[in-house]
């Protein structure tokens, strides 16, 4: 079925797919259906051999202004438990291909959490990142207390979560939350440029490297190093590794096939 709240372009650029959140009247507020559509699109693109990198974007005005509060306001704890909305977020997190968030305007609450679920973030100068859930009598539940703390440190994360105050794109870049900040009219193209540079690399090596970096946040150093070495050895089973090293020796550009 055609998604209602997102737009999907499998070949927005060569080997680069684009998913755009598309609830403009609600500033891309993340309701359950939209998140299900995002997860389904990511799963399909993850299995598409023509796609090497995925860009997730909103509009210039808003990446996503938060969760859909109207959808949640009257629910009980048992309702939330049975809906199990965070299983969708877990599915998104399992995307194996590099995932870039292109963020402009509001990235608040669930919007900030969705951006942080991606591997890299390109932000426009108007982007605002925040976890304002405490102003509604609740707290982040889709990774806001965990990923934000890992990205910017305890003190800054504590202030943002406990006060609900947002930070600008420049502050986010200074704190290490985003990769780069560009003028608002260029944020999507900059995300495509970053995606293109990654798409030129070996898809096999990119997947294994992504796994290894993510493991650094989930384990202690010795186990992380062991996992890294196993993935390093795994690259030597690929045709891409043979092509990459042969190209280096022969002083030519490698032609990676993802095999």
Protein backbone atom coordinates (compact mmCIF):
# COMPACT_ATOMS: atom_id res chain seq x y z
CA UNK A 1 0.00 0.00 0.00
CA UNK A 2 1.10 3.57 -0.68
CA UNK A 3 2.22 5.24 2.57
CA UNK A 4 0.06 8.12 3.79
CA UNK A 5 2.51 10.07 5.91
CA UNK A 6 5.88 9.58 4.19
CA UNK A 7 7.31 9.95 0.68
CA UNK A 8 9.81 7.34 -0.48
CA UNK A 9 12.25 7.82 -3.37
CA UNK A 10 14.42 4.69 -3.76
CA UNK A 11 16.81 6.42 -6.16
CA UNK A 12 16.83 10.07 -5.07
CA UNK A 13 20.47 9.98 -6.10
CA UNK A 14 22.48 7.07 -7.52
CA UNK A 15 22.56 4.38 -4.78
CA UNK A 16 20.96 6.82 -2.30
CA UNK A 17 17.33 6.55 -1.16
CA UNK A 18 15.23 9.28 0.45
CA UNK A 19 12.43 8.97 2.99
CA UNK A 20 10.60 12.23 3.72
CA UNK A 21 8.24 12.64 6.66
CA UNK A 22 5.07 14.20 5.26
CA UNK A 23 2.56 15.46 7.85
CA UNK A 24 3.04 19.19 7.18
CA UNK A 25 0.01 20.46 9.11
CA UNK A 26 1.20 18.60 12.22
CA UNK A 27 4.88 19.57 11.72
CA UNK A 28 5.58 15.88 11.05
CA UNK A 29 4.44 14.79 14.52
CA UNK A 30 5.21 11.11 14.90
CA UNK A 31 2.00 9.14 15.21
CA UNK A 32 1.96 5.35 15.24
CA UNK A 33 1.08 5.00 11.57
CA UNK A 34 3.88 7.30 10.43
CA UNK A 35 6.43 5.34 12.46
CA UNK A 36 5.14 2.06 11.06
CA UNK A 37 5.50 3.46 7.55
CA UNK A 38 9.05 4.63 8.25
CA UNK A 39 10.00 1.22 9.64
CA UNK A 40 8.46 -0.60 6.67
CA UNK A 41 10.21 1.70 4.17
CA UNK A 42 13.56 1.26 5.89
CA UNK A 43 13.17 -2.52 5.88
CA UNK A 44 12.41 -2.54 2.16
CA UNK A 45 15.28 -0.19 1.32
CA UNK A 46 17.63 -2.19 3.53
CA UNK A 47 16.88 -5.21 1.33
CA UNK A 48 17.18 -3.29 -1.95
CA UNK A 49 20.58 -4.07 -3.54
CA UNK A 50 20.45 -0.83 -5.55
CA UNK A 51 20.45 1.25 -2.34
CA UNK A 52 23.64 1.77 -0.33
CA UNK A 53 22.74 4.77 1.86
CA UNK A 54 19.40 6.10 3.13
CA UNK A 55 18.56 9.75 3.91
CA UNK A 56 15.68 10.47 6.30
CA UNK A 57 14.36 14.03 6.10
CA UNK A 58 11.47 16.27 7.06
CA UNK A 59 10.71 19.70 5.66
CA UNK A 60 12.59 23.00 6.01
CA UNK A 61 10.20 23.96 8.81
CA UNK A 62 10.30 20.74 10.80
CA UNK A 63 12.07 17.42 10.82
CA UNK A 64 9.55 16.26 13.42
CA UNK A 65 8.13 18.44 16.18
CA UNK A 66 7.65 15.48 18.50
CA UNK A 67 5.30 12.61 19.12
CA UNK A 68 1.60 12.97 18.39
CA UNK A 69 0.42 14.02 21.86
CA UNK A 70 -3.27 13.83 20.94
CA UNK A 71 -2.80 10.15 20.17
CA UNK A 72 -1.22 9.45 23.56
CA UNK A 73 -2.90 11.84 26.00
CA UNK A 74 -5.71 9.60 27.21
CA UNK A 75 -3.87 6.31 27.29
CA UNK A 76 -3.04 4.30 30.38
CA UNK A 77 0.22 2.57 31.23
CA UNK A 78 -1.33 -0.75 30.17
CA UNK A 79 -2.47 0.79 26.87
CA UNK A 80 1.09 1.90 26.17
CA UNK A 81 2.46 -1.50 27.15
CA UNK A 82 0.09 -3.37 24.83
CA UNK A 83 0.62 -1.00 21.89
CA UNK A 84 4.37 -1.64 22.25
CA UNK A 85 5.24 1.32 20.05
CA UNK A 86 8.92 1.10 20.86
CA UNK A 87 9.24 -2.22 19.04
CA UNK A 88 8.97 -0.10 15.88
CA UNK A 89 11.91 1.99 17.04
CA UNK A 90 13.89 -1.19 17.66
CA UNK A 91 13.22 -2.24 14.08
CA UNK A 92 14.46 1.13 12.80
CA UNK A 93 17.60 0.76 14.90
CA UNK A 94 18.33 -2.57 13.20
CA UNK A 95 18.70 -0.94 9.76
CA UNK A 96 22.04 -2.22 8.48
CA UNK A 97 22.75 0.41 5.83
CA UNK A 98 24.12 3.85 6.76
CA UNK A 99 21.23 6.14 7.68
CA UNK A 100 21.58 9.94 7.54
CA UNK A 101 19.11 12.34 9.16
CA UNK A 102 18.66 15.61 7.25
CA UNK A 103 17.27 17.97 9.87
CA UNK A 104 15.84 21.46 9.50
CA UNK A 105 13.60 23.32 11.92
CA UNK A 106 12.12 21.45 14.86
CA UNK A 107 13.60 18.13 15.99
CA UNK A 108 11.94 17.87 19.37
CA UNK A 109 10.98 14.97 21.60
CA UNK A 110 10.44 11.97 19.36
CA UNK A 111 11.83 13.99 16.47
CA UNK A 112 15.14 14.43 18.26
CA UNK A 113 15.10 10.75 19.20
CA UNK A 114 14.42 9.72 15.60
CA UNK A 115 17.32 11.85 14.36
CA UNK A 116 19.60 10.29 16.98
CA UNK A 117 18.54 6.81 15.88
CA UNK A 118 20.23 7.60 12.56
CA UNK A 119 23.97 7.15 12.10
CA UNK A 120 24.79 10.71 11.06
CA UNK A 121 22.96 14.05 11.25
CA UNK A 122 23.21 16.95 8.81
CA UNK A 123 21.45 20.04 10.17
CA UNK A 124 20.35 23.34 8.74
CA UNK A 125 21.09 26.56 10.61
CA UNK A 126 17.46 26.68 11.75
CA UNK A 127 17.47 23.23 13.35
CA UNK A 128 16.52 22.95 17.02
CA UNK A 129 17.10 19.82 19.06
CA UNK A 130 15.37 19.14 22.35
CA UNK A 131 13.60 16.72 24.68
CA UNK A 132 10.71 18.77 26.10
CA UNK A 133 8.71 15.81 27.43
CA UNK A 134 9.14 16.93 31.04
CA UNK A 135 6.93 19.93 30.30
CA UNK A 136 4.12 17.45 29.65
CA UNK A 137 4.68 15.57 32.90
CA UNK A 138 6.56 12.69 31.31
CA UNK A 139 10.06 11.92 30.00
CA UNK A 140 11.78 10.64 26.84
CA UNK A 141 10.98 7.02 26.08
CA UNK A 142 12.49 6.32 22.65
CA UNK A 143 16.15 6.70 23.56
CA UNK A 144 16.30 10.36 24.54
CA UNK A 145 17.92 9.81 27.92
CA UNK A 146 20.34 7.24 26.52
CA UNK A 147 21.47 8.42 23.08
CA UNK A 148 21.52 12.09 24.03
CA UNK A 149 23.71 11.37 27.06
CA UNK A 150 26.10 9.29 24.96
CA UNK A 151 26.27 12.03 22.34
CA UNK A 152 26.72 15.18 24.44
CA UNK A 153 27.57 13.98 27.95
CA UNK A 154 25.72 13.71 31.25
CA UNK A 155 25.69 17.36 32.30
CA UNK A 156 24.31 18.78 29.06
CA UNK A 157 21.83 15.93 28.59
CA UNK A 158 20.62 16.31 32.17
CA UNK A 159 19.99 20.02 31.64
CA UNK A 160 18.14 19.50 28.36
CA UNK A 161 15.94 16.67 29.68
CA UNK A 162 15.19 18.21 33.09
CA UNK A 163 14.43 21.73 31.80
CA UNK A 164 12.97 20.83 28.43
CA UNK A 165 15.10 23.50 26.79
CA UNK A 166 16.27 22.97 23.22
CA UNK A 167 19.64 23.75 21.65
CA UNK A 168 20.48 25.28 18.30
CA UNK A 169 22.13 23.50 15.41
CA UNK A 170 25.43 25.26 16.17
CA UNK A 171 25.30 24.19 19.80
CA UNK A 172 24.43 20.66 18.72
CA UNK A 173 27.48 20.63 16.46
CA UNK A 174 29.73 21.97 19.22
CA UNK A 175 28.51 19.24 21.56
CA UNK A 176 29.00 16.49 18.98
CA UNK A 177 25.34 15.72 18.34
CA UNK A 178 25.41 16.59 14.62
CA UNK A 179 28.04 16.16 11.91
CA UNK A 180 27.68 19.47 10.13
CA UNK A 181 25.55 22.62 9.90
CA UNK A 182 24.70 24.31 6.59
CA UNK A 183 22.35 27.07 5.37
CA UNK A 184 18.70 26.04 5.38
CA UNK A 185 18.47 25.84 1.60
CA UNK A 186 21.35 23.38 1.45
CA UNK A 187 20.66 20.87 4.21
CA UNK A 188 19.14 18.17 2.00
CA UNK A 189 21.76 18.51 -0.72
CA UNK A 190 24.50 18.37 1.92
CA UNK A 191 22.98 15.15 3.24
CA UNK A 192 23.01 13.78 -0.31
CA UNK A 193 26.66 14.77 -0.72
CA UNK A 194 27.56 12.95 2.48
CA UNK A 195 25.48 9.96 1.39
CA UNK A 196 27.21 9.92 -2.01
CA UNK A 197 30.67 9.85 -0.43
CA UNK A 198 29.65 6.88 1.73
CA UNK A 199 27.96 5.12 -1.20
CA UNK A 200 31.28 5.10 -3.05
CA UNK A 201 32.76 2.83 -0.39
CA UNK A 202 32.34 -0.91 0.03
CA UNK A 203 28.80 -1.67 1.25
CA UNK A 204 30.13 -4.75 3.02
CA UNK A 205 32.78 -2.80 4.90
CA UNK A 206 30.32 0.01 5.68
CA UNK A 207 27.85 -2.42 7.23
CA UNK A 208 30.51 -4.12 9.35
CA UNK A 209 32.02 -0.78 10.40
CA UNK A 210 28.58 0.54 11.41
CA UNK A 211 27.99 -2.57 13.52
CA UNK A 212 31.36 -2.13 15.20
CA UNK A 213 30.84 1.55 16.04
CA UNK A 214 27.40 0.85 17.48
CA UNK A 215 28.85 -1.97 19.58
CA UNK A 216 31.17 0.59 21.23
CA UNK A 217 28.12 2.03 23.02
CA UNK A 218 26.86 -1.34 24.17
CA UNK A 219 29.87 -3.08 25.70
CA UNK A 220 33.20 -2.60 27.46
CA UNK A 221 36.45 -2.01 25.57
CA UNK A 222 37.81 -5.57 25.51
CA UNK A 223 34.60 -7.03 24.11
CA UNK A 224 34.29 -4.15 21.65
CA UNK A 225 37.81 -4.72 20.36
CA UNK A 226 37.10 -8.42 19.97
CA UNK A 227 33.96 -7.64 17.95
CA UNK A 228 35.87 -5.12 15.82
CA UNK A 229 38.58 -7.66 14.99
CA UNK A 230 36.04 -10.29 13.98
CA UNK A 231 34.39 -7.81 11.61
CA UNK A 232 37.80 -6.75 10.29
CA UNK A 233 38.65 -10.36 9.49
CA UNK A 234 35.21 -10.76 7.89
CA UNK A 235 35.99 -8.08 5.30
CA UNK A 236 38.73 -10.34 3.92
CA UNK A 237 36.02 -12.78 2.83
CA UNK A 238 34.59 -10.12 0.49
CA UNK A 239 35.32 -9.36 -3.14
CA UNK A 240 35.25 -5.68 -2.20
CA UNK A 241 38.34 -6.07 -0.01
CA UNK A 242 40.24 -7.73 -2.87
CA UNK A 243 39.10 -5.01 -5.28
CA UNK A 244 39.93 -2.19 -2.86
CA UNK A 245 43.46 -3.34 -2.16
CA UNK A 246 44.12 -4.22 -5.80
CA UNK A 247 42.95 -0.76 -6.84
CA UNK A 248 45.28 0.81 -4.27
CA UNK A 249 48.27 -1.15 -5.57
CA UNK A 250 47.35 -0.38 -9.19
CA UNK A 251 46.74 3.31 -8.41
CA UNK A 252 43.16 3.38 -9.69
CA UNK A 253 39.70 4.03 -8.27
CA UNK A 254 38.06 0.89 -6.81
CA UNK A 255 34.79 -0.42 -8.19
CA UNK A 256 32.97 -1.88 -5.20
CA UNK A 257 30.12 -4.30 -5.92
CA UNK A 258 28.92 -5.01 -2.39
CA UNK A 259 30.04 -8.64 -2.52
